[in-house]
Protein backbone atom coordinates (compact mmCIF):
# COMPACT_ATOMS: atom_id res chain seq x y z
CA MET A 1 45.89 183.37 101.24
CA SER A 2 43.92 183.44 104.47
CA ILE A 3 45.55 185.58 107.16
CA HIS A 4 43.45 186.53 110.15
CA ASP A 5 43.26 190.27 110.67
CA ARG A 6 44.64 189.85 114.19
CA ALA A 7 47.75 187.98 113.06
CA ILE A 8 51.08 189.80 112.64
CA VAL A 9 53.11 188.95 109.56
CA ASP A 10 56.43 190.72 108.94
CA ALA A 11 56.82 192.26 105.51
CA ALA A 12 60.08 190.30 105.10
CA ALA A 13 58.32 186.93 105.52
CA ARG A 14 57.47 184.91 102.38
CA LEU A 15 54.14 183.09 102.40
CA HIS A 16 52.67 180.99 99.59
CA PRO A 17 49.21 182.23 98.52
CA SER A 18 47.59 179.07 99.96
CA VAL A 19 48.96 179.55 103.49
CA GLU A 20 46.48 179.98 106.37
CA VAL A 21 47.37 181.98 109.48
CA GLY A 22 45.19 182.04 112.59
CA PRO A 23 44.46 184.88 115.00
CA TYR A 24 47.28 186.34 117.09
CA ALA A 25 49.93 184.29 115.31
CA ILE A 26 53.25 186.10 114.79
CA ILE A 27 55.39 185.38 111.73
CA GLY A 28 58.75 187.11 111.70
CA ALA A 29 61.21 188.25 109.08
CA GLY A 30 63.01 185.50 107.22
CA VAL A 31 60.22 182.94 107.62
CA VAL A 32 59.33 181.03 104.43
CA LEU A 33 56.06 179.08 104.38
CA HIS A 34 55.36 176.84 101.38
CA ALA A 35 52.04 175.73 99.89
CA GLY A 36 49.30 174.59 102.20
CA VAL A 37 51.00 175.43 105.49
CA VAL A 38 48.50 176.11 108.28
CA VAL A 39 49.56 178.20 111.28
CA GLY A 40 47.32 178.03 114.34
CA PRO A 41 46.34 180.80 116.74
CA HIS A 42 49.05 182.34 118.93
CA ALA A 43 51.85 180.42 117.17
CA VAL A 44 55.18 182.25 116.93
CA LEU A 45 57.51 181.61 113.97
CA THR A 46 60.93 183.25 114.04
CA GLY A 47 63.31 183.39 111.08
CA PRO A 48 65.43 182.42 109.42
CA MET A 49 63.34 179.29 108.97
CA GLU A 50 61.65 177.39 106.15
CA VAL A 51 58.53 175.24 106.45
CA GLY A 52 57.66 172.70 103.77
CA ALA A 53 54.34 172.24 102.03
CA GLY A 54 51.38 170.84 103.92
CA THR A 55 52.86 171.25 107.39
CA ARG A 56 50.43 172.12 110.18
CA ILE A 57 51.54 174.23 113.14
CA GLY A 58 49.30 174.12 116.19
CA ALA A 59 48.19 176.73 118.67
CA HIS A 60 50.95 178.35 120.75
CA ALA A 61 53.75 176.48 118.96
CA CYS A 62 57.06 178.36 118.93
CA LEU A 63 59.34 177.41 116.05
CA GLY A 64 62.63 178.94 114.93
CA GLY A 65 63.55 180.59 118.21
CA ASP A 66 67.09 181.22 119.41
CA PRO A 67 69.06 178.16 120.54
CA GLN A 68 68.88 177.45 124.25
CA ASP A 69 72.66 177.40 124.47
CA LEU A 70 74.77 179.74 126.59
CA LYS A 71 77.43 179.78 123.85
CA HIS A 72 74.98 181.23 121.33
CA ARG A 73 75.95 184.77 120.35
CA GLY A 74 73.77 185.19 117.30
CA GLY A 75 74.84 184.48 113.76
CA ASP A 76 73.33 183.16 110.55
CA THR A 77 71.53 180.01 111.71
CA VAL A 78 68.43 178.27 110.38
CA LEU A 79 65.57 175.90 111.20
CA ARG A 80 64.54 173.89 108.14
CA ILE A 81 61.32 171.85 108.26
CA GLY A 82 60.18 169.48 105.52
CA GLU A 83 56.74 168.66 104.17
CA GLY A 84 53.65 167.21 105.80
CA ASN A 85 54.71 167.63 109.42
CA ASP A 86 52.25 168.11 112.27
CA PHE A 87 53.35 170.27 115.20
CA ARG A 88 50.70 170.15 117.90
CA GLU A 89 49.99 172.59 120.72
CA PHE A 90 52.92 174.24 122.53
CA THR A 91 55.61 172.42 120.54
CA THR A 92 59.01 174.09 120.18
CA ALA A 93 61.99 173.76 117.84
CA SER A 94 65.12 175.91 117.86
CA ARG A 95 67.46 177.09 115.12
CA GLY A 96 71.01 175.77 114.99
CA THR A 97 74.14 177.37 116.43
CA VAL A 98 77.12 178.69 114.52
CA ALA A 99 79.41 176.28 116.39
CA GLY A 100 77.12 173.35 115.56
CA GLY A 101 76.96 174.04 111.84
CA GLY A 102 74.09 176.54 111.87
CA LEU A 103 71.20 174.22 111.02
CA THR A 104 68.44 172.33 112.78
CA SER A 105 66.86 169.99 110.22
CA ILE A 106 63.49 168.20 110.36
CA GLY A 107 62.37 165.87 107.57
CA ASP A 108 58.91 165.01 106.26
CA ASN A 109 55.70 163.59 107.74
CA ASN A 110 56.66 163.70 111.40
CA LEU A 111 54.20 164.04 114.28
CA PHE A 112 55.24 166.24 117.20
CA MET A 113 52.65 165.92 119.94
CA ALA A 114 51.92 168.61 122.53
CA TYR A 115 54.85 170.12 124.44
CA SER A 116 57.54 168.19 122.55
CA HIS A 117 60.84 169.98 121.92
CA VAL A 118 63.57 169.78 119.27
CA ALA A 119 66.72 171.57 120.40
CA HIS A 120 69.46 173.31 118.41
CA ASP A 121 71.57 171.52 115.80
CA CYS A 122 69.37 168.41 115.80
CA VAL A 123 68.65 166.24 112.79
CA VAL A 124 65.23 164.58 112.73
CA GLY A 125 64.48 162.24 109.83
CA SER A 126 61.08 161.47 108.33
CA GLY A 127 58.09 159.52 109.60
CA CYS A 128 59.01 159.92 113.27
CA VAL A 129 56.63 160.28 116.21
CA PHE A 130 57.42 162.45 119.23
CA SER A 131 54.77 161.71 121.85
CA ASN A 132 53.62 164.28 124.41
CA ALA A 133 56.42 166.19 126.18
CA VAL A 134 59.31 164.40 124.47
CA ASN A 135 62.49 166.47 124.71
CA ILE A 136 65.65 166.02 122.70
CA ALA A 137 68.75 168.02 123.60
CA GLY A 138 71.17 169.72 121.25
CA HIS A 139 73.07 167.84 118.52
CA VAL A 140 70.76 164.81 118.69
CA GLU A 141 69.98 162.68 115.63
CA ILE A 142 66.63 160.88 115.31
CA GLN A 143 66.55 158.64 112.26
CA ASP A 144 63.60 157.77 110.00
CA GLY A 145 60.61 156.00 111.51
CA ALA A 146 61.73 156.28 115.14
CA VAL A 147 59.04 156.57 117.84
CA LEU A 148 59.65 158.28 121.18
CA GLY A 149 57.13 157.64 123.98
CA GLY A 150 55.69 160.35 126.18
CA LEU A 151 58.05 162.24 128.51
CA ALA A 152 61.14 160.57 127.04
CA ALA A 153 64.33 162.64 126.90
CA VAL A 154 67.49 162.23 124.83
CA HIS A 155 70.91 163.49 125.97
CA GLN A 156 73.10 165.77 123.85
CA HIS A 157 74.95 164.15 120.92
CA CYS A 158 72.98 160.88 121.16
CA ARG A 159 71.46 159.07 118.19
CA VAL A 160 68.23 157.09 117.95
CA GLY A 161 68.34 154.70 115.02
CA ARG A 162 65.88 153.96 112.26
CA TYR A 163 62.60 152.36 113.38
CA ALA A 164 63.73 152.28 117.00
CA MET A 165 61.14 152.61 119.77
CA VAL A 166 61.99 154.58 122.93
CA GLY A 167 59.55 153.84 125.73
CA GLY A 168 57.64 156.47 127.67
CA GLY A 169 59.63 158.21 130.37
CA ALA A 170 62.97 156.87 129.14
CA MET A 171 66.14 158.82 129.82
CA VAL A 172 68.43 158.12 126.87
CA ALA A 173 72.10 158.82 127.66
CA GLN A 174 73.69 156.64 124.95
CA ASP A 175 72.85 155.69 121.39
CA VAL A 176 69.79 153.53 120.65
CA PRO A 177 70.51 151.29 117.63
CA PRO A 178 68.07 150.94 114.74
CA PHE A 179 65.19 148.44 114.91
CA VAL A 180 65.29 147.97 118.71
CA THR A 181 63.31 149.05 121.77
CA ALA A 182 64.79 150.96 124.68
CA GLN A 183 63.31 152.09 127.95
CA GLY A 184 64.14 153.01 131.54
CA ASP A 185 66.35 155.46 133.41
CA ARG A 186 69.05 155.12 132.14
CA ALA A 187 67.63 153.52 129.04
CA ARG A 188 68.50 149.88 128.29
CA LEU A 189 67.69 147.74 125.27
CA PHE A 190 64.78 145.29 125.39
CA GLY A 191 65.04 143.46 122.08
CA LEU A 192 63.70 144.31 118.65
CA ASN A 193 60.87 146.72 117.92
CA ILE A 194 58.78 143.86 116.56
CA VAL A 195 55.51 145.80 116.36
CA GLY A 196 57.14 148.73 114.61
CA LEU A 197 58.89 146.50 112.10
CA ARG A 198 55.65 144.69 111.29
CA ARG A 199 53.80 147.97 110.83
CA ALA A 200 56.55 149.10 108.47
CA ALA A 201 56.10 145.86 106.47
CA PHE A 202 59.60 144.50 107.06
CA ASP A 203 60.09 141.07 105.52
CA PRO A 204 59.81 138.31 108.20
CA ALA A 205 63.15 136.92 107.02
CA VAL A 206 64.78 140.29 107.69
CA VAL A 207 63.19 140.45 111.15
CA GLY A 208 64.53 136.97 111.87
CA ALA A 209 68.03 137.97 110.79
CA LEU A 210 67.85 141.09 112.98
CA LYS A 211 66.80 138.95 115.96
CA ALA A 212 69.82 136.71 115.47
CA ALA A 213 72.13 139.72 115.08
CA TYR A 214 70.74 141.36 118.22
CA ARG A 215 71.32 138.16 120.18
CA ASP A 216 74.87 137.81 118.88
CA LEU A 217 75.75 141.44 119.57
CA PHE A 218 74.26 141.88 123.01
CA HIS A 219 73.68 138.47 124.61
CA GLN A 220 76.88 136.46 124.09
CA GLY A 221 79.00 138.39 126.56
CA LEU A 222 81.69 138.84 123.94
CA PRO A 223 83.69 142.02 123.37
CA LEU A 224 81.66 144.09 120.96
CA ARG A 225 84.43 144.13 118.34
CA ILE A 226 84.42 140.35 118.12
CA ALA A 227 80.62 140.16 118.12
CA LEU A 228 80.49 142.60 115.22
CA GLU A 229 82.96 140.49 113.25
CA GLN A 230 80.81 137.40 113.80
CA VAL A 231 77.60 139.12 112.71
CA ARG A 232 79.21 140.54 109.58
CA ALA A 233 80.68 137.16 108.71
CA ALA A 234 77.17 135.67 108.69
CA ALA A 235 76.42 137.80 105.59
CA GLY A 236 72.92 138.87 106.59
CA PRO A 237 70.59 141.32 104.79
CA PRO A 238 71.44 145.04 104.45
CA GLU A 239 69.48 145.87 107.62
CA VAL A 240 71.88 143.73 109.67
CA LEU A 241 74.85 145.54 108.17
CA GLU A 242 73.09 148.84 108.94
CA LEU A 243 72.74 147.75 112.58
CA CYS A 244 76.43 146.84 112.73
CA ALA A 245 77.54 150.11 111.14
CA PHE A 246 75.44 152.13 113.59
CA VAL A 247 76.90 150.29 116.58
CA GLU A 248 80.45 150.56 115.29
CA GLY A 249 80.06 154.26 114.53
CA SER A 250 78.81 155.23 117.98
CA ALA A 251 80.70 158.04 119.71
CA ARG A 252 78.75 157.99 122.99
CA GLY A 253 78.46 154.22 123.22
CA ILE A 254 75.39 152.01 122.89
CA CYS A 255 72.70 151.51 125.53
CA ARG A 256 73.34 148.21 127.29
CA SER A 257 70.96 145.32 126.89
CA ALA A 258 68.63 144.72 129.84
CA GLY A 259 68.99 140.96 129.37
CA ALA A 260 72.75 140.50 129.39
CA ASP A 261 76.00 141.93 130.65
CA ALA A 262 77.74 142.10 127.31
CA ALA A 263 81.14 143.74 127.27
CA PRO A 264 80.90 147.37 126.12
CA GLU A 265 83.94 147.28 123.85
């Protein structure tokens, strides 16, 4: 274990012998750091929280702090972080709230660039990218492989689907379905995330089926219920059914397409 002599580590913290802690870092009671975690200078980790193996925490990052929620009155809440994540300088992530279930959860192999923020009761999947100064509000869900461009923000209780791309500066006030791109204030949909799907090695036939489904859902001008029935009847690959299920399960509604005035319901 390599702990700088000017770091402060609470006796009630649990650190794997391979953990590295830089100068002036503060690690509080209830913090659990697994093998290979690296904590940079001036970082502040507040428990209860758990950080998975191989995660890197940059200078001045603040993880596990109290929820920024006026209803928060303490309680047994947690921030749980998976393996192989990279939190860059000045990133922040809050614990959950009792009312929200008590847990903020972050998966594996995510990149959080400088000044990005994960609020209370959020669920972040794996393989996501939060560019500089991305902010997600409380109760947000970011699914696997999603990419959020710099300065983007996501409203409370919204979802961003798997392998979606949210453009820089976007203000997301409704759900962004999987496999698509969204941008603007308020964010609208601009077709499939073709580049992201290619990088993730999606089969061209699947991409073609998703293109057709996107067109049928958002560019026919039909009520969404009828459009969903048509897309399901076409018996496409599982990714198309995933897209339909996400749209149908939306509580806040889906971002409208920039290229059509499809009916919202």
